[in-house]
Amino acid sequence: MDTLFEIKDHGAGSGRGLFASEPLLRGTLIHSAPCLLVTKASYQEHAKHTVLEHYLFNTPNGDKLLALGYGSIFNHSDSPNVDYRIDKPNLTVNYYASKGVEKGEELFIYYGASLWFEDVNAKKSAIEDTSSSEDEDGGFLFKIKMDEDSSSDETTS
């Protein structure tokens, strides 16, 4: 299978991300990431004390999977265009387009409600959503709306 994405730098020190190299239809398998199994005991003793803790996927029995390949380069969005399925027996995480994706569009997954970083994209979206509201003096109001997260996820993040 040809690579359906490319790695690009966002510039200005904001990191890298994966971008569609061609249009993707909903349901397209984008990447199958091989994983390392981190047992529950190993996680408690070692992995939870490292930066890798933020990149682990939960499994039902408390073990974790560390996605290799391009699996840990997908960035977060509250409105993701990529969904993933954990395949613990085969030690993979499979990433699928959850809706149609245009060529050049960044590929995002949902990391969950408990982020360990400031979600700059959410703030930017909130500013854009409210930036057209004029105040009484004809100026623009800039409000950042903070939504309460109540959903759970399959990652430890």
Protein backbone atom coordinates (compact mmCIF):
# COMPACT_ATOMS: atom_id res chain seq x y z
CA MET A 1 0.00 0.00 0.00
CA ASP A 2 1.29 3.44 -0.89
CA THR A 3 1.66 5.93 1.92
CA LEU A 4 -1.51 8.01 2.12
CA PHE A 5 0.11 10.73 4.20
CA GLU A 6 3.26 12.77 4.60
CA ILE A 7 4.97 14.26 7.62
CA LYS A 8 5.12 18.04 7.65
CA ASP A 9 6.43 20.54 10.15
CA HIS A 10 3.89 23.12 11.28
CA GLY A 11 6.67 25.70 11.49
CA ALA A 12 7.36 28.23 14.25
CA GLY A 13 8.35 25.46 16.68
CA SER A 14 4.86 23.93 16.86
CA GLY A 15 5.94 20.43 15.84
CA ARG A 16 5.14 17.91 13.18
CA GLY A 17 1.98 16.29 11.97
CA LEU A 18 0.63 13.88 9.38
CA PHE A 19 -1.11 15.32 6.31
CA ALA A 20 -3.13 13.50 3.64
CA SER A 21 -1.10 13.12 0.45
CA GLU A 22 -4.29 12.39 -1.51
CA PRO A 23 -8.04 12.61 -0.88
CA LEU A 24 -9.22 9.89 1.52
CA LEU A 25 -12.66 8.34 1.63
CA ARG A 26 -14.37 7.60 4.94
CA GLY A 27 -13.25 4.18 6.18
CA THR A 28 -9.90 4.19 4.37
CA LEU A 29 -7.17 2.39 6.33
CA ILE A 30 -4.50 5.08 6.66
CA HIS A 31 -1.90 3.27 8.75
CA SER A 32 -1.46 0.07 10.71
CA ALA A 33 1.03 0.79 13.49
CA PRO A 34 2.91 -2.10 15.05
CA CYS A 35 2.95 -1.85 18.83
CA LEU A 36 5.03 -2.80 21.82
CA LEU A 37 3.11 -4.40 24.67
CA VAL A 38 3.63 -2.71 28.04
CA THR A 39 2.20 -4.94 30.75
CA LYS A 40 0.19 -3.42 33.57
CA ALA A 41 3.01 -4.20 36.02
CA SER A 42 5.69 -2.73 33.76
CA TYR A 43 3.56 0.38 33.25
CA GLN A 44 3.12 0.90 37.00
CA GLU A 45 6.80 0.33 37.75
CA HIS A 46 8.44 2.11 34.81
CA ALA A 47 6.51 3.55 31.86
CA LYS A 48 4.14 5.84 33.78
CA HIS A 49 7.21 7.76 35.00
CA THR A 50 8.44 8.58 31.49
CA VAL A 51 7.35 10.74 28.56
CA LEU A 52 6.16 7.54 26.85
CA GLU A 53 3.21 7.50 29.28
CA HIS A 54 1.51 10.10 27.05
CA TYR A 55 1.69 7.85 23.98
CA LEU A 56 0.24 4.63 25.38
CA PHE A 57 -3.10 3.13 24.43
CA ASN A 58 -5.17 1.36 27.12
CA THR A 59 -6.37 -2.19 26.74
CA PRO A 60 -9.27 -3.68 28.74
CA ASN A 61 -7.05 -5.68 31.14
CA GLY A 62 -4.84 -2.72 32.10
CA ASP A 63 -1.97 -3.48 29.74
CA LYS A 64 -0.86 -0.68 27.42
CA LEU A 65 0.30 -0.54 23.81
CA LEU A 66 2.94 1.83 22.47
CA ALA A 67 2.20 2.58 18.80
CA LEU A 68 5.33 2.56 16.67
CA GLY A 69 5.62 3.53 13.01
CA TYR A 70 3.68 6.72 12.44
CA GLY A 71 1.14 5.91 15.16
CA SER A 72 2.51 8.41 17.66
CA ILE A 73 2.71 11.32 15.22
CA PHE A 74 -1.03 11.88 14.79
CA ASN A 75 -1.92 15.16 16.50
CA HIS A 76 -4.99 15.77 18.68
CA SER A 77 -8.26 17.44 17.78
CA ASP A 78 -11.62 17.64 19.51
CA SER A 79 -13.02 17.14 15.97
CA PRO A 80 -10.81 14.36 14.61
CA ASN A 81 -10.92 13.08 11.04
CA VAL A 82 -9.19 9.81 11.94
CA ASP A 83 -10.46 7.02 14.17
CA TYR A 84 -8.40 4.15 15.49
CA ARG A 85 -9.01 0.56 16.47
CA ILE A 86 -6.79 -1.33 18.88
CA ASP A 87 -5.97 -4.87 17.78
CA LYS A 88 -4.27 -6.29 20.88
CA PRO A 89 -3.98 -9.90 19.63
CA ASN A 90 -1.95 -8.65 16.64
CA LEU A 91 -0.25 -5.84 18.62
CA THR A 92 -1.35 -3.12 16.22
CA VAL A 93 -3.35 0.09 16.22
CA ASN A 94 -5.19 0.67 12.95
CA TYR A 95 -6.03 4.22 11.88
CA TYR A 96 -8.99 4.91 9.56
CA ALA A 97 -10.42 8.04 7.97
CA SER A 98 -13.56 8.77 10.02
CA LYS A 99 -14.87 11.09 7.29
CA GLY A 100 -13.73 12.29 3.89
CA VAL A 101 -10.33 14.02 4.05
CA GLU A 102 -9.00 16.44 1.44
CA LYS A 103 -5.47 16.27 0.05
CA GLY A 104 -3.19 18.41 2.26
CA GLU A 105 -5.54 18.26 5.28
CA GLU A 106 -3.92 17.36 8.60
CA LEU A 107 -4.88 13.98 10.06
CA PHE A 108 -6.07 14.15 13.67
CA ILE A 109 -7.14 11.66 16.33
CA TYR A 110 -8.86 12.37 19.64
CA TYR A 111 -6.48 11.95 22.59
CA GLY A 112 -9.19 12.16 25.22
CA ALA A 113 -10.49 14.60 27.79
CA SER A 114 -7.42 14.76 30.02
CA LEU A 115 -4.76 16.43 27.88
CA TRP A 116 -1.26 16.92 29.28
CA PHE A 117 -0.69 19.95 27.03
CA GLU A 118 -2.50 23.16 26.15
CA ASP A 119 -4.78 22.53 23.15
CA VAL A 120 -3.78 25.46 20.95
CA ASN A 121 -6.08 24.36 18.12
CA ALA A 122 -9.14 24.40 20.40
CA LYS A 123 -8.29 27.90 21.59
CA LYS A 124 -7.72 29.07 18.02
CA SER A 125 -11.09 27.61 16.97
CA ALA A 126 -12.83 29.25 19.93
CA ILE A 127 -11.31 32.64 19.04
CA GLU A 128 -12.35 32.25 15.40
CA ASP A 129 -15.89 31.23 16.46
CA THR A 130 -16.35 34.41 18.50
CA SER A 131 -14.15 36.85 16.58
CA SER A 132 -17.00 38.13 14.39
CA SER A 133 -19.12 39.28 17.35
CA GLU A 134 -19.05 43.05 17.54
CA ASP A 135 -19.33 44.80 20.88
CA GLU A 136 -21.32 48.01 21.47
CA ASP A 137 -18.41 50.23 20.39
CA GLY A 138 -18.08 48.48 17.01
CA GLY A 139 -14.95 46.62 18.14
CA PHE A 140 -14.58 42.89 18.20
CA LEU A 141 -14.91 40.70 21.22
CA PHE A 142 -12.45 37.86 21.59
CA LYS A 143 -13.63 35.18 23.96
CA ILE A 144 -12.15 31.78 24.47
CA LYS A 145 -14.85 29.32 25.36
CA MET A 146 -13.76 26.45 27.51
CA ASP A 147 -15.91 23.37 27.05
CA GLU A 148 -16.20 20.80 29.81
CA ASP A 149 -14.90 17.43 28.70
CA SER A 150 -16.99 14.54 29.88
CA SER A 151 -16.02 11.80 27.46
CA SER A 152 -13.63 8.96 28.06
CA ASP A 153 -11.06 7.57 25.67
CA GLU A 154 -8.76 4.65 24.99
CA THR A 155 -5.50 6.49 25.63
CA THR A 156 -3.91 7.33 28.93
CA SER A 157 -3.65 10.94 27.93
